[in-house]
């Protein structure tokens, strides 16, 4: 599995921070404004990834069903994780179940943002790199994903789930090059 590492610079931080400043904190948000930072910075980095791969997309984030449409064909919902270590092939990627019934995109796409664990500020510049990980068709996610209920603990890594979700390992994702080929 090959993922794409992108350095996050002032242009990306500023663009994401503008979205944060102009958006409400979502009702079901576990991390409040920090969740908005993670989500919006993930979106900005994903959009940059699509542009640098000449993938045509439309912004559908005002929809509650998905975030993007690529080439007027595929709907995508983006999921971004905050990490303090470089992602590894066996790491999990999560889709919360609280909106899974109405969010029915063709694909989920996953990004991890790397932040310095020593930086205790809440400034968006604490995120230094984005790792564009890959995607998965919704049918495959539902077939191979591991479901977890809120309050359960994954004994393999110690994660205690704050909400019900479906997890897939990074190695189960379609890599970026194949995703770009699908999109084109």
Protein backbone atom coordinates (compact mmCIF):
# COMPACT_ATOMS: atom_id res chain seq x y z
CA UNK A 1 0.00 0.00 0.00
CA UNK A 2 1.50 3.26 -1.08
CA UNK A 3 0.15 6.48 0.34
CA UNK A 4 0.93 10.05 -0.61
CA UNK A 5 2.63 12.35 1.89
CA UNK A 6 2.03 16.07 1.40
CA UNK A 7 3.67 18.84 3.40
CA UNK A 8 1.16 21.28 4.83
CA UNK A 9 2.08 24.91 4.24
CA UNK A 10 0.69 28.36 5.02
CA UNK A 11 -1.65 28.35 2.01
CA UNK A 12 -3.31 25.13 3.21
CA UNK A 13 -3.44 26.19 6.87
CA UNK A 14 -4.98 29.56 5.94
CA UNK A 15 -7.58 28.01 3.64
CA UNK A 16 -8.60 25.44 6.26
CA UNK A 17 -8.66 28.02 9.07
CA UNK A 18 -10.97 30.22 7.00
CA UNK A 19 -13.40 27.30 6.74
CA UNK A 20 -13.11 26.68 10.49
CA UNK A 21 -13.81 30.35 11.27
CA UNK A 22 -16.89 30.37 9.04
CA UNK A 23 -18.44 27.11 10.26
CA UNK A 24 -20.43 26.04 13.29
CA UNK A 25 -19.28 23.33 15.64
CA UNK A 26 -21.34 20.29 14.74
CA UNK A 27 -23.78 18.92 17.29
CA UNK A 28 -22.37 15.37 17.41
CA UNK A 29 -18.75 16.52 17.32
CA UNK A 30 -16.61 14.73 19.87
CA UNK A 31 -13.72 17.22 19.72
CA UNK A 32 -15.68 20.40 18.88
CA UNK A 33 -13.61 23.11 17.12
CA UNK A 34 -10.53 20.86 16.95
CA UNK A 35 -12.61 18.37 14.96
CA UNK A 36 -13.44 21.15 12.51
CA UNK A 37 -9.73 21.89 12.10
CA UNK A 38 -8.97 18.25 11.34
CA UNK A 39 -11.90 17.85 8.97
CA UNK A 40 -11.40 21.07 7.04
CA UNK A 41 -7.63 20.66 6.77
CA UNK A 42 -8.24 17.13 5.45
CA UNK A 43 -10.62 18.56 2.85
CA UNK A 44 -8.14 21.21 1.73
CA UNK A 45 -5.40 18.61 1.36
CA UNK A 46 -7.69 16.18 -0.49
CA UNK A 47 -8.73 18.91 -2.91
CA UNK A 48 -5.04 19.70 -3.55
CA UNK A 49 -4.39 16.00 -4.16
CA UNK A 50 -7.25 15.80 -6.68
CA UNK A 51 -6.05 18.94 -8.47
CA UNK A 52 -2.46 17.74 -8.75
CA UNK A 53 -3.78 14.50 -10.28
CA UNK A 54 -6.02 16.38 -12.74
CA UNK A 55 -9.17 14.86 -11.27
CA UNK A 56 -12.21 17.04 -11.91
CA UNK A 57 -14.44 17.37 -8.86
CA UNK A 58 -17.30 19.40 -7.50
CA UNK A 59 -17.65 20.47 -3.89
CA UNK A 60 -20.79 18.92 -2.43
CA UNK A 61 -19.96 19.56 1.23
CA UNK A 62 -23.23 21.42 1.76
CA UNK A 63 -24.93 18.06 1.19
CA UNK A 64 -25.35 15.81 4.21
CA UNK A 65 -24.78 12.71 2.05
CA UNK A 66 -21.20 13.15 0.79
CA UNK A 67 -18.43 15.69 0.30
CA UNK A 68 -17.45 15.54 -3.39
CA UNK A 69 -18.49 14.31 -6.81
CA UNK A 70 -15.60 13.37 -9.10
CA UNK A 71 -15.98 13.51 -12.88
CA UNK A 72 -19.75 13.89 -12.47
CA UNK A 73 -19.82 10.19 -11.63
CA UNK A 74 -18.62 9.11 -8.18
CA UNK A 75 -19.64 10.48 -4.79
CA UNK A 76 -16.98 10.57 -2.09
CA UNK A 77 -17.14 11.10 1.64
CA UNK A 78 -13.83 12.06 3.19
CA UNK A 79 -12.71 10.86 6.64
CA UNK A 80 -9.70 12.47 8.31
CA UNK A 81 -7.78 11.28 11.38
CA UNK A 82 -5.45 13.22 13.63
CA UNK A 83 -2.30 11.19 14.32
CA UNK A 84 0.96 11.76 16.18
CA UNK A 85 2.80 9.00 14.28
CA UNK A 86 3.23 8.23 10.61
CA UNK A 87 0.43 5.86 9.56
CA UNK A 88 1.29 2.19 9.11
CA UNK A 89 -0.30 -0.39 6.83
CA UNK A 90 -2.12 -2.14 9.69
CA UNK A 91 -3.63 1.07 11.16
CA UNK A 92 -7.38 1.49 11.21
CA UNK A 93 -9.49 4.00 9.31
CA UNK A 94 -12.92 4.77 10.73
CA UNK A 95 -16.38 5.62 9.47
CA UNK A 96 -18.71 6.70 12.30
CA UNK A 97 -22.10 5.00 12.22
CA UNK A 98 -24.13 7.96 13.54
CA UNK A 99 -24.50 9.24 9.98
CA UNK A 100 -23.92 6.04 8.00
CA UNK A 101 -27.61 5.50 7.22
CA UNK A 102 -27.90 8.76 5.26
CA UNK A 103 -24.30 9.08 4.05
CA UNK A 104 -24.19 6.60 1.20
CA UNK A 105 -21.31 7.69 -1.05
CA UNK A 106 -19.83 5.49 -3.74
CA UNK A 107 -16.45 5.71 -1.98
CA UNK A 108 -14.98 6.69 1.36
CA UNK A 109 -11.53 8.26 1.17
CA UNK A 110 -9.17 8.43 4.13
CA UNK A 111 -6.54 10.97 5.16
CA UNK A 112 -4.33 11.16 8.22
CA UNK A 113 -2.90 14.43 9.47
CA UNK A 114 0.40 14.23 11.31
CA UNK A 115 0.92 16.61 14.19
CA UNK A 116 3.78 17.06 16.58
CA UNK A 117 2.71 15.43 19.85
CA UNK A 118 4.89 17.93 21.78
CA UNK A 119 2.87 20.87 20.43
CA UNK A 120 0.09 21.32 23.00
CA UNK A 121 -1.46 24.35 21.28
CA UNK A 122 -4.74 24.21 19.42
CA UNK A 123 -3.26 26.15 16.50
CA UNK A 124 -3.92 24.59 13.10
CA UNK A 125 -0.21 24.87 12.23
CA UNK A 126 0.53 21.99 14.62
CA UNK A 127 -0.33 19.70 11.68
CA UNK A 128 2.75 19.33 9.47
CA UNK A 129 1.91 16.58 6.98
CA UNK A 130 -1.13 15.03 5.35
CA UNK A 131 -1.08 11.39 4.33
CA UNK A 132 -3.52 10.67 1.54
CA UNK A 133 -4.19 6.99 2.25
CA UNK A 134 -6.67 5.63 -0.27
CA UNK A 135 -10.31 4.78 -0.69
CA UNK A 136 -12.84 2.00 -0.45
CA UNK A 137 -16.21 1.37 -2.05
CA UNK A 138 -19.06 1.53 0.46
CA UNK A 139 -20.06 -2.06 -0.33
CA UNK A 140 -16.54 -3.29 0.43
CA UNK A 141 -16.39 -1.25 3.64
CA UNK A 142 -19.62 -2.89 4.83
CA UNK A 143 -18.38 -6.34 3.79
CA UNK A 144 -14.86 -6.35 5.30
CA UNK A 145 -15.05 -3.61 7.94
CA UNK A 146 -15.02 -4.35 11.67
CA UNK A 147 -18.00 -2.83 13.50
CA UNK A 148 -17.50 -1.41 16.97
CA UNK A 149 -20.03 -0.05 19.45
CA UNK A 150 -19.47 3.02 21.58
CA UNK A 151 -17.63 2.07 24.77
CA UNK A 152 -16.03 -1.07 23.32
CA UNK A 153 -12.24 -1.43 23.29
CA UNK A 154 -10.20 -2.90 20.46
CA UNK A 155 -7.83 -5.20 22.36
CA UNK A 156 -5.34 -5.22 19.47
CA UNK A 157 -4.46 -1.54 19.92
CA UNK A 158 -6.23 -0.29 23.06
CA UNK A 159 -8.59 2.08 21.24
CA UNK A 160 -11.77 2.77 23.22
CA UNK A 161 -14.51 3.89 20.86
CA UNK A 162 -16.43 7.03 21.77
CA UNK A 163 -19.02 6.28 19.06
CA UNK A 164 -20.08 3.28 17.03
CA UNK A 165 -18.07 2.91 13.83
CA UNK A 166 -16.82 0.63 11.08
CA UNK A 167 -13.03 0.25 10.83
CA UNK A 168 -10.95 -0.94 7.91
CA UNK A 169 -7.21 -1.46 7.87
CA UNK A 170 -5.12 0.71 5.59
CA UNK A 171 -4.08 -2.41 3.67
CA UNK A 172 -7.75 -2.95 2.73
CA UNK A 173 -7.93 0.38 0.90
CA UNK A 174 -7.59 0.92 -2.83
CA UNK A 175 -4.30 2.78 -3.25
CA UNK A 176 -4.20 6.34 -4.56
CA UNK A 177 -2.99 5.52 -8.08
CA UNK A 178 -5.79 3.00 -8.61
CA UNK A 179 -8.31 5.43 -7.12
CA UNK A 180 -7.16 8.17 -9.54
CA UNK A 181 -7.50 5.68 -12.41
CA UNK A 182 -11.05 4.84 -11.29
CA UNK A 183 -11.91 8.53 -11.04
CA UNK A 184 -10.61 9.32 -14.53
